[in-house]
């Protein structure tokens, strides 16, 4: 079964408030089976346009990734991100 991924592209507008999102979202997503593969770090955009920060979280399956994103506890915390950053969040199935 292919793994699932939550991929986030984010530009933080309020760094202090965003720290609270990171502090709270990490244990929730890890408890739901997520493993952070990429979280910030250096990035280059050789083609097209992108936001500033990139996050990839691996889950055991697409269904697990989608369930984690839709989890009510995560969605309450996600409001902090939505209020303090511009973001594009994608849930995608990996390749076997």
PDB file of N, CA and C in Angstrom:
ATOM      1  N   UNK A   1       0.847  -1.183   0.000  1.00  0.00           N
ATOM      2  CA  UNK A   1       0.000   0.000   0.000  1.00  0.00           C
ATOM      3  C   UNK A   1       0.889   1.241   0.000  1.00  0.00           C
ATOM      4  N   UNK A   2       0.629   2.181  -0.893  1.00  0.00           N
ATOM      5  CA  UNK A   2       1.436   3.409  -0.929  1.00  0.00           C
ATOM      6  C   UNK A   2       1.203   4.269   0.314  1.00  0.00           C
ATOM      7  N   UNK A   3       2.224   4.991   0.691  1.00  0.00           N
ATOM      8  CA  UNK A   3       2.113   5.915   1.808  1.00  0.00           C
ATOM      9  C   UNK A   3       1.362   7.163   1.371  1.00  0.00           C
ATOM     10  N   UNK A   4       0.942   7.946   2.344  1.00  0.00           N
ATOM     11  CA  UNK A   4       0.290   9.212   2.071  1.00  0.00           C
ATOM     12  C   UNK A   4       1.116  10.347   2.644  1.00  0.00           C
ATOM     13  N   UNK A   5       0.936  11.520   2.074  1.00  0.00           N
ATOM     14  CA  UNK A   5       1.733  12.672   2.485  1.00  0.00           C
ATOM     15  C   UNK A   5       0.867  13.911   2.597  1.00  0.00           C
ATOM     16  N   UNK A   6       1.154  14.702   3.609  1.00  0.00           N
ATOM     17  CA  UNK A   6       0.646  16.066   3.667  1.00  0.00           C
ATOM     18  C   UNK A   6       1.823  16.942   3.277  1.00  0.00           C
ATOM     19  N   UNK A   7       1.630  17.758   2.259  1.00  0.00           N
ATOM     20  CA  UNK A   7       2.673  18.672   1.786  1.00  0.00           C
ATOM     21  C   UNK A   7       2.162  20.092   1.997  1.00  0.00           C
ATOM     22  N   UNK A   8       2.949  20.892   2.674  1.00  0.00           N
ATOM     23  CA  UNK A   8       2.586  22.278   2.920  1.00  0.00           C
ATOM     24  C   UNK A   8       3.601  23.225   2.324  1.00  0.00           C
ATOM     25  N   UNK A   9       3.099  24.251   1.684  1.00  0.00           N
ATOM     26  CA  UNK A   9       3.925  25.357   1.190  1.00  0.00           C
ATOM     27  C   UNK A   9       3.407  26.593   1.916  1.00  0.00           C
ATOM     28  N   UNK A  10       4.290  27.272   2.636  1.00  0.00           N
ATOM     29  CA  UNK A  10       3.851  28.267   3.609  1.00  0.00           C
ATOM     30  C   UNK A  10       4.739  29.506   3.567  1.00  0.00           C
ATOM     31  N   UNK A  11       4.116  30.667   3.657  1.00  0.00           N
ATOM     32  CA  UNK A  11       4.832  31.910   3.922  1.00  0.00           C
ATOM     33  C   UNK A  11       4.279  32.464   5.230  1.00  0.00           C
ATOM     34  N   UNK A  12       5.122  32.512   6.238  1.00  0.00           N
ATOM     35  CA  UNK A  12       4.718  32.958   7.572  1.00  0.00           C
ATOM     36  C   UNK A  12       4.663  34.478   7.592  1.00  0.00           C
ATOM     37  N   UNK A  13       3.538  35.017   8.045  1.00  0.00           N
ATOM     38  CA  UNK A  13       3.381  36.464   8.174  1.00  0.00           C
ATOM     39  C   UNK A  13       3.631  36.942   9.601  1.00  0.00           C
ATOM     40  N   UNK A  14       3.393  36.074  10.589  1.00  0.00           N
ATOM     41  CA  UNK A  14       3.583  36.422  11.998  1.00  0.00           C
ATOM     42  C   UNK A  14       4.406  35.305  12.660  1.00  0.00           C
ATOM     43  N   UNK A  15       5.739  35.424  12.640  1.00  0.00           N
ATOM     44  CA  UNK A  15       6.598  34.351  13.145  1.00  0.00           C
ATOM     45  C   UNK A  15       6.350  33.969  14.605  1.00  0.00           C
ATOM     46  N   UNK A  16       6.069  34.927  15.465  1.00  0.00           N
ATOM     47  CA  UNK A  16       5.861  34.610  16.880  1.00  0.00           C
ATOM     48  C   UNK A  16       4.615  33.743  17.066  1.00  0.00           C
ATOM     49  N   UNK A  17       3.529  34.090  16.433  1.00  0.00           N
ATOM     50  CA  UNK A  17       2.303  33.296  16.550  1.00  0.00           C
ATOM     51  C   UNK A  17       2.463  31.934  15.868  1.00  0.00           C
ATOM     52  N   UNK A  18       3.214  31.892  14.786  1.00  0.00           N
ATOM     53  CA  UNK A  18       3.408  30.642  14.051  1.00  0.00           C
ATOM     54  C   UNK A  18       4.159  29.610  14.895  1.00  0.00           C
ATOM     55  N   UNK A  19       5.039  30.065  15.780  1.00  0.00           N
ATOM     56  CA  UNK A  19       5.760  29.143  16.670  1.00  0.00           C
ATOM     57  C   UNK A  19       4.779  28.323  17.505  1.00  0.00           C
ATOM     58  N   UNK A  20       3.684  28.926  17.904  1.00  0.00           N
ATOM     59  CA  UNK A  20       2.668  28.225  18.688  1.00  0.00           C
ATOM     60  C   UNK A  20       2.010  27.131  17.845  1.00  0.00           C
ATOM     61  N   UNK A  21       1.768  27.409  16.584  1.00  0.00           N
ATOM     62  CA  UNK A  21       1.216  26.392  15.677  1.00  0.00           C
ATOM     63  C   UNK A  21       2.160  25.195  15.593  1.00  0.00           C
ATOM     64  N   UNK A  22       3.436  25.439  15.383  1.00  0.00           N
ATOM     65  CA  UNK A  22       4.423  24.358  15.270  1.00  0.00           C
ATOM     66  C   UNK A  22       4.478  23.556  16.571  1.00  0.00           C
ATOM     67  N   UNK A  23       4.456  24.253  17.691  1.00  0.00           N
ATOM     68  CA  UNK A  23       4.511  23.573  18.996  1.00  0.00           C
ATOM     69  C   UNK A  23       3.308  22.654  19.195  1.00  0.00           C
ATOM     70  N   UNK A  24       2.139  23.095  18.764  1.00  0.00           N
ATOM     71  CA  UNK A  24       0.916  22.329  18.992  1.00  0.00           C
ATOM     72  C   UNK A  24       0.631  21.290  17.914  1.00  0.00           C
ATOM     73  N   UNK A  25       0.985  21.573  16.671  1.00  0.00           N
ATOM     74  CA  UNK A  25       0.612  20.634  15.606  1.00  0.00           C
ATOM     75  C   UNK A  25       1.487  19.387  15.594  1.00  0.00           C
ATOM     76  N   UNK A  26       2.737  19.516  16.001  1.00  0.00           N
ATOM     77  CA  UNK A  26       3.677  18.397  15.926  1.00  0.00           C
ATOM     78  C   UNK A  26       3.188  17.167  16.702  1.00  0.00           C
ATOM     79  N   UNK A  27       2.855  17.280  17.983  1.00  0.00           N
ATOM     80  CA  UNK A  27       2.421  16.077  18.697  1.00  0.00           C
ATOM     81  C   UNK A  27       1.112  15.497  18.155  1.00  0.00           C
ATOM     82  N   UNK A  28       0.227  16.344  17.673  1.00  0.00           N
ATOM     83  CA  UNK A  28      -1.038  15.844  17.113  1.00  0.00           C
ATOM     84  C   UNK A  28      -0.766  15.005  15.877  1.00  0.00           C
ATOM     85  N   UNK A  29      -0.010  15.550  14.934  1.00  0.00           N
ATOM     86  CA  UNK A  29       0.240  14.838  13.683  1.00  0.00           C
ATOM     87  C   UNK A  29       1.085  13.587  13.912  1.00  0.00           C
ATOM     88  N   UNK A  30       2.027  13.641  14.837  1.00  0.00           N
ATOM     89  CA  UNK A  30       2.815  12.442  15.146  1.00  0.00           C
ATOM     90  C   UNK A  30       1.936  11.365  15.786  1.00  0.00           C
ATOM     91  N   UNK A  31       1.035  11.760  16.673  1.00  0.00           N
ATOM     92  CA  UNK A  31       0.114  10.803  17.294  1.00  0.00           C
ATOM     93  C   UNK A  31      -0.788  10.150  16.251  1.00  0.00           C
ATOM     94  N   UNK A  32      -1.100  10.879  15.187  1.00  0.00           N
ATOM     95  CA  UNK A  32      -1.956  10.365  14.121  1.00  0.00           C
ATOM     96  C   UNK A  32      -1.165   9.578  13.071  1.00  0.00           C
ATOM     97  N   UNK A  33       0.100   9.305  13.348  1.00  0.00           N
ATOM     98  CA  UNK A  33       0.898   8.464  12.458  1.00  0.00           C
ATOM     99  C   UNK A  33       1.847   9.211  11.554  1.00  0.00           C
ATOM    100  N   UNK A  34       1.929  10.526  11.682  1.00  0.00           N
ATOM    101  CA  UNK A  34       2.779  11.321  10.804  1.00  0.00           C
ATOM    102  C   UNK A  34       4.239  11.313  11.212  1.00  0.00           C
ATOM    103  N   UNK A  35       5.084  11.423  10.208  1.00  0.00           N
ATOM    104  CA  UNK A  35       6.531  11.541  10.426  1.00  0.00           C
ATOM    105  C   UNK A  35       7.029  12.673   9.539  1.00  0.00           C
ATOM    106  N   UNK A  36       7.605  13.697  10.167  1.00  0.00           N
ATOM    107  CA  UNK A  36       8.070  14.860   9.416  1.00  0.00           C
ATOM    108  C   UNK A  36       9.307  14.480   8.607  1.00  0.00           C
ATOM    109  N   UNK A  37       9.212  14.616   7.294  1.00  0.00           N
ATOM    110  CA  UNK A  37      10.304  14.318   6.370  1.00  0.00           C
ATOM    111  C   UNK A  37      11.044  15.607   6.023  1.00  0.00           C
ATOM    112  N   UNK A  38      10.295  16.662   5.767  1.00  0.00           N
ATOM    113  CA  UNK A  38      10.845  17.984   5.452  1.00  0.00           C
ATOM    114  C   UNK A  38      10.116  18.982   6.332  1.00  0.00           C
ATOM    115  N   UNK A  39      10.883  19.869   6.954  1.00  0.00           N
ATOM    116  CA  UNK A  39      10.246  20.912   7.762  1.00  0.00           C
ATOM    117  C   UNK A  39      11.134  22.142   7.702  1.00  0.00           C
ATOM    118  N   UNK A  40      10.832  23.013   6.737  1.00  0.00           N
ATOM    119  CA  UNK A  40      11.668  24.194   6.555  1.00  0.00           C
ATOM    120  C   UNK A  40      12.960  23.797   5.868  1.00  0.00           C
ATOM    121  N   UNK A  41      14.026  24.386   6.272  1.00  0.00           N
ATOM    122  CA  UNK A  41      15.316  24.077   5.662  1.00  0.00           C
ATOM    123  C   UNK A  41      15.523  24.841   4.361  1.00  0.00           C
ATOM    124  N   UNK A  42      16.702  24.676   3.813  1.00  0.00           N
ATOM    125  CA  UNK A  42      17.042  25.383   2.577  1.00  0.00           C
ATOM    126  C   UNK A  42      16.195  24.851   1.428  1.00  0.00           C
ATOM    127  N   UNK A  43      15.834  25.754   0.526  1.00  0.00           N
ATOM    128  CA  UNK A  43      15.061  25.376  -0.660  1.00  0.00           C
ATOM    129  C   UNK A  43      15.404  26.338  -1.788  1.00  0.00           C
ATOM    130  N   UNK A  44      15.319  25.837  -2.975  1.00  0.00           N
ATOM    131  CA  UNK A  44      15.537  26.636  -4.174  1.00  0.00           C
ATOM    132  C   UNK A  44      14.399  26.314  -5.129  1.00  0.00           C
ATOM    133  N   UNK A  45      13.923  27.319  -5.840  1.00  0.00           N
ATOM    134  CA  UNK A  45      12.840  27.136  -6.799  1.00  0.00           C
ATOM    135  C   UNK A  45      13.407  27.398  -8.190  1.00  0.00           C
ATOM    136  N   UNK A  46      13.888  26.356  -8.884  1.00  0.00           N
ATOM    137  CA  UNK A  46      14.484  26.561 -10.195  1.00  0.00           C
ATOM    138  C   UNK A  46      13.465  26.861 -11.290  1.00  0.00           C
ATOM    139  N   UNK A  47      12.196  26.555 -11.047  1.00  0.00           N
ATOM    140  CA  UNK A  47      11.145  26.861 -12.025  1.00  0.00           C
ATOM    141  C   UNK A  47       9.882  27.274 -11.285  1.00  0.00           C
ATOM    142  N   UNK A  48       9.174  28.234 -11.821  1.00  0.00           N
ATOM    143  CA  UNK A  48       7.889  28.627 -11.261  1.00  0.00           C
ATOM    144  C   UNK A  48       8.014  29.483 -10.017  1.00  0.00           C
ATOM    145  N   UNK A  49       6.917  29.542  -9.265  1.00  0.00           N
ATOM    146  CA  UNK A  49       6.840  30.339  -8.050  1.00  0.00           C
ATOM    147  C   UNK A  49       6.452  29.445  -6.883  1.00  0.00           C
ATOM    148  N   UNK A  50       6.906  29.783  -5.697  1.00  0.00           N
ATOM    149  CA  UNK A  50       6.576  29.000  -4.508  1.00  0.00           C
ATOM    150  C   UNK A  50       6.513  29.916  -3.301  1.00  0.00           C
ATOM    151  N   UNK A  51       5.884  29.425  -2.258  1.00  0.00           N
ATOM    152  CA  UNK A  51       5.914  30.125  -0.989  1.00  0.00           C
ATOM    153  C   UNK A  51       7.264  29.836  -0.321  1.00  0.00           C
ATOM    154  N   UNK A  52       7.505  30.429   0.853  1.00  0.00           N
ATOM    155  CA  UNK A  52       8.841  30.416   1.466  1.00  0.00           C
ATOM    156  C   UNK A  52       9.243  29.111   2.147  1.00  0.00           C
ATOM    157  N   UNK A  53       8.314  28.448   2.780  1.00  0.00           N
ATOM    158  CA  UNK A  53       8.621  27.310   3.657  1.00  0.00           C
ATOM    159  C   UNK A  53       7.926  26.070   3.116  1.00  0.00           C
ATOM    160  N   UNK A  54       8.575  24.909   3.253  1.00  0.00           N
ATOM    161  CA  UNK A  54       8.016  23.665   2.719  1.00  0.00           C
ATOM    162  C   UNK A  54       8.051  22.598   3.799  1.00  0.00           C
ATOM    163  N   UNK A  55       6.961  21.834   3.888  1.00  0.00           N
ATOM    164  CA  UNK A  55       6.824  20.786   4.893  1.00  0.00           C
ATOM    165  C   UNK A  55       6.273  19.542   4.197  1.00  0.00           C
ATOM    166  N   UNK A  56       6.869  18.386   4.493  1.00  0.00           N
ATOM    167  CA  UNK A  56       6.360  17.109   3.998  1.00  0.00           C
ATOM    168  C   UNK A  56       6.232  16.184   5.198  1.00  0.00           C
ATOM    169  N   UNK A  57       5.021  15.658   5.404  1.00  0.00           N
ATOM    170  CA  UNK A  57       4.757  14.748   6.510  1.00  0.00           C
ATOM    171  C   UNK A  57       4.276  13.427   5.913  1.00  0.00           C
ATOM    172  N   UNK A  58       4.954  12.354   6.261  1.00  0.00           N
ATOM    173  CA  UNK A  58       4.637  11.024   5.730  1.00  0.00           C
ATOM    174  C   UNK A  58       3.685  10.290   6.668  1.00  0.00           C
ATOM    175  N   UNK A  59       2.713   9.589   6.085  1.00  0.00           N
ATOM    176  CA  UNK A  59       1.762   8.771   6.835  1.00  0.00           C
ATOM    177  C   UNK A  59       1.736   7.367   6.249  1.00  0.00           C
ATOM    178  N   UNK A  60       1.231   6.398   6.996  1.00  0.00           N
ATOM    179  CA  UNK A  60       1.205   5.022   6.502  1.00  0.00           C
ATOM    180  C   UNK A  60       0.386   4.832   5.218  1.00  0.00           C
ATOM    181  N   UNK A  61      -0.581   5.719   4.968  1.00  0.00           N
ATOM    182  CA  UNK A  61      -1.433   5.605   3.783  1.00  0.00           C
ATOM    183  C   UNK A  61      -2.033   6.969   3.444  1.00  0.00           C
ATOM    184  N   UNK A  62      -2.589   7.059   2.241  1.00  0.00           N
ATOM    185  CA  UNK A  62      -3.300   8.267   1.828  1.00  0.00           C
ATOM    186  C   UNK A  62      -4.461   8.535   2.778  1.00  0.00           C
ATOM    187  N   UNK A  63      -5.195   7.480   3.109  1.00  0.00           N
ATOM    188  CA  UNK A  63      -6.350   7.625   4.002  1.00  0.00           C
ATOM    189  C   UNK A  63      -5.937   8.164   5.368  1.00  0.00           C
ATOM    190  N   UNK A  64      -4.787   7.694   5.877  1.00  0.00           N
ATOM    191  CA  UNK A  64      -4.300   8.185   7.173  1.00  0.00           C
ATOM    192  C   UNK A  64      -3.907   9.656   7.089  1.00  0.00           C
ATOM    193  N   UNK A  65      -3.292  10.050   5.981  1.00  0.00           N
ATOM    194  CA  UNK A  65      -2.906  11.456   5.800  1.00  0.00           C
ATOM    195  C   UNK A  65      -4.146  12.345   5.730  1.00  0.00           C
ATOM    196  N   UNK A  66      -5.146  11.919   4.974  1.00  0.00           N
ATOM    197  CA  UNK A  66      -6.378  12.691   4.840  1.00  0.00           C
ATOM    198  C   UNK A  66      -7.117  12.772   6.180  1.00  0.00           C
ATOM    199  N   UNK A  67      -7.159  11.658   6.898  1.00  0.00           N
ATOM    200  CA  UNK A  67      -7.810  11.653   8.218  1.00  0.00           C
ATOM    201  C   UNK A  67      -7.082  12.578   9.188  1.00  0.00           C
ATOM    202  N   UNK A  68      -5.747  12.597   9.133  1.00  0.00           N
ATOM    203  CA  UNK A  68      -4.978  13.482  10.016  1.00  0.00           C
ATOM    204  C   UNK A  68      -5.288  14.943   9.707  1.00  0.00           C
ATOM    205  N   UNK A  69      -5.304  15.290   8.415  1.00  0.00           N
ATOM    206  CA  UNK A  69      -5.606  16.673   8.047  1.00  0.00           C
ATOM    207  C   UNK A  69      -7.007  17.071   8.537  1.00  0.00           C
ATOM    208  N   UNK A  70      -7.965  16.172   8.420  1.00  0.00           N
ATOM    209  CA  UNK A  70      -9.347  16.466   8.788  1.00  0.00           C
ATOM    210  C   UNK A  70      -9.647  16.266  10.269  1.00  0.00           C
ATOM    211  N   UNK A  71      -8.681  15.787  11.043  1.00  0.00           N
ATOM    212  CA  UNK A  71      -8.877  15.554  12.462  1.00  0.00           C
ATOM    213  C   UNK A  71      -9.312  16.852  13.156  1.00  0.00           C
ATOM    214  N   UNK A  72     -10.391  16.803  13.934  1.00  0.00           N
ATOM    215  CA  UNK A  72     -10.891  18.030  14.579  1.00  0.00           C
ATOM    216  C   UNK A  72      -9.861  18.731  15.468  1.00  0.00           C
ATOM    217  N   UNK A  73      -9.063  17.961  16.197  1.00  0.00           N
ATOM    218  CA  UNK A  73      -8.045  18.588  17.051  1.00  0.00           C
ATOM    219  C   UNK A  73      -7.004  19.307  16.195  1.00  0.00           C
ATOM    220  N   UNK A  74      -6.572  18.670  15.112  1.00  0.00           N
ATOM    221  CA  UNK A  74      -5.612  19.328  14.222  1.00  0.00           C
ATOM    222  C   UNK A  74      -6.234  20.574  13.596  1.00  0.00           C
ATOM    223  N   UNK A  75      -7.475  20.488  13.154  1.00  0.00           N
ATOM    224  CA  UNK A  75      -8.113  21.637  12.505  1.00  0.00           C
ATOM    225  C   UNK A  75      -8.230  22.830  13.440  1.00  0.00           C
ATOM    226  N   UNK A  76      -8.450  22.580  14.736  1.00  0.00           N
ATOM    227  CA  UNK A  76      -8.471  23.702  15.698  1.00  0.00           C
ATOM    228  C   UNK A  76      -7.105  24.390  15.730  1.00  0.00           C
ATOM    229  N   UNK A  77      -6.033  23.614  15.757  1.00  0.00           N
ATOM    230  CA  UNK A  77      -4.682  24.174  15.776  1.00  0.00           C
ATOM    231  C   UNK A  77      -4.338  24.810  14.428  1.00  0.00           C
ATOM    232  N   UNK A  78      -4.805  24.216  13.340  1.00  0.00           N
ATOM    233  CA  UNK A  78      -4.523  24.744  11.999  1.00  0.00           C
ATOM    234  C   UNK A  78      -5.032  26.168  11.842  1.00  0.00           C
ATOM    235  N   UNK A  79      -6.027  26.544  12.631  1.00  0.00           N
ATOM    236  CA  UNK A  79      -6.537  27.912  12.535  1.00  0.00           C
ATOM    237  C   UNK A  79      -5.449  28.926  12.879  1.00  0.00           C
ATOM    238  N   UNK A  80      -4.517  28.554  13.756  1.00  0.00           N
ATOM    239  CA  UNK A  80      -3.394  29.448  14.076  1.00  0.00           C
ATOM    240  C   UNK A  80      -2.573  29.694  12.814  1.00  0.00           C
ATOM    241  N   UNK A  81      -2.294  28.625  12.057  1.00  0.00           N
ATOM    242  CA  UNK A  81      -1.544  28.773  10.800  1.00  0.00           C
ATOM    243  C   UNK A  81      -2.322  29.638   9.828  1.00  0.00           C
ATOM    244  N   UNK A  82      -3.604  29.358   9.683  1.00  0.00           N
ATOM    245  CA  UNK A  82      -4.431  30.100   8.727  1.00  0.00           C
ATOM    246  C   UNK A  82      -4.484  31.584   9.062  1.00  0.00           C
ATOM    247  N   UNK A  83      -4.444  31.907  10.361  1.00  0.00           N
ATOM    248  CA  UNK A  83      -4.509  33.306  10.799  1.00  0.00           C
ATOM    249  C   UNK A  83      -3.172  34.037  10.657  1.00  0.00           C
ATOM    250  N   UNK A  84      -2.055  33.280  10.575  1.00  0.00           N
ATOM    251  CA  UNK A  84      -0.737  33.900  10.646  1.00  0.00           C
ATOM    252  C   UNK A  84       0.204  33.574   9.500  1.00  0.00           C
ATOM    253  N   UNK A  85      -0.312  32.894   8.479  1.00  0.00           N
ATOM    254  CA  UNK A  85       0.525  32.514   7.343  1.00  0.00           C
ATOM    255  C   UNK A  85      -0.345  32.332   6.107  1.00  0.00           C
ATOM    256  N   UNK A  86       0.273  32.454   4.960  1.00  0.00           N
ATOM    257  CA  UNK A  86      -0.364  32.070   3.706  1.00  0.00           C
ATOM    258  C   UNK A  86       0.107  30.650   3.434  1.00  0.00           C
ATOM    259  N   UNK A  87      -0.825  29.769   3.072  1.00  0.00           N
ATOM    260  CA  UNK A  87      -0.399  28.387   2.890  1.00  0.00           C
ATOM    261  C   UNK A  87      -1.211  27.675   1.826  1.00  0.00           C
ATOM    262  N   UNK A  88      -0.549  26.700   1.232  1.00  0.00           N
ATOM    263  CA  UNK A  88      -1.180  25.742   0.331  1.00  0.00           C
ATOM    264  C   UNK A  88      -0.884  24.384   0.951  1.00  0.00           C
ATOM    265  N   UNK A  89      -1.929  23.605   1.221  1.00  0.00           N
ATOM    266  CA  UNK A  89      -1.762  22.288   1.827  1.00  0.00           C
ATOM    267  C   UNK A  89      -2.317  21.261   0.843  1.00  0.00           C
ATOM    268  N   UNK A  90      -1.526  20.224   0.599  1.00  0.00           N
ATOM    269  CA  UNK A  90      -1.891  19.185  -0.359  1.00  0.00           C
ATOM    270  C   UNK A  90      -1.800  17.844   0.344  1.00  0.00           C
ATOM    271  N   UNK A  91      -2.797  16.997   0.166  1.00  0.00           N
ATOM    272  CA  UNK A  91      -2.732  15.612   0.631  1.00  0.00           C
ATOM    273  C   UNK A  91      -2.574  14.766  -0.613  1.00  0.00           C
ATOM    274  N   UNK A  92      -1.528  13.933  -0.640  1.00  0.00           N
ATOM    275  CA  UNK A  92      -1.214  13.190  -1.869  1.00  0.00           C
ATOM    276  C   UNK A  92      -0.837  11.753  -1.530  1.00  0.00           C
ATOM    277  N   UNK A  93      -1.180  10.859  -2.441  1.00  0.00           N
ATOM    278  CA  UNK A  93      -0.786   9.458  -2.310  1.00  0.00           C
ATOM    279  C   UNK A  93       0.593   9.254  -2.935  1.00  0.00           C
ATOM    280  N   UNK A  94       1.440   8.514  -2.241  1.00  0.00           N
ATOM    281  CA  UNK A  94       2.778   8.223  -2.746  1.00  0.00           C
ATOM    282  C   UNK A  94       2.736   7.150  -3.816  1.00  0.00           C
ATOM    283  N   UNK A  95       3.900   6.839  -4.321  1.00  0.00           N
ATOM    284  CA  UNK A  95       4.061   5.833  -5.349  1.00  0.00           C
ATOM    285  C   UNK A  95       4.603   4.564  -4.717  1.00  0.00           C
ATOM    286  N   UNK A  96       4.039   3.431  -5.076  1.00  0.00           N
ATOM    287  CA  UNK A  96       4.544   2.160  -4.549  1.00  0.00           C
ATOM    288  C   UNK A  96       5.869   1.816  -5.125  1.00  0.00           C
TER     289      UNK A  96
END
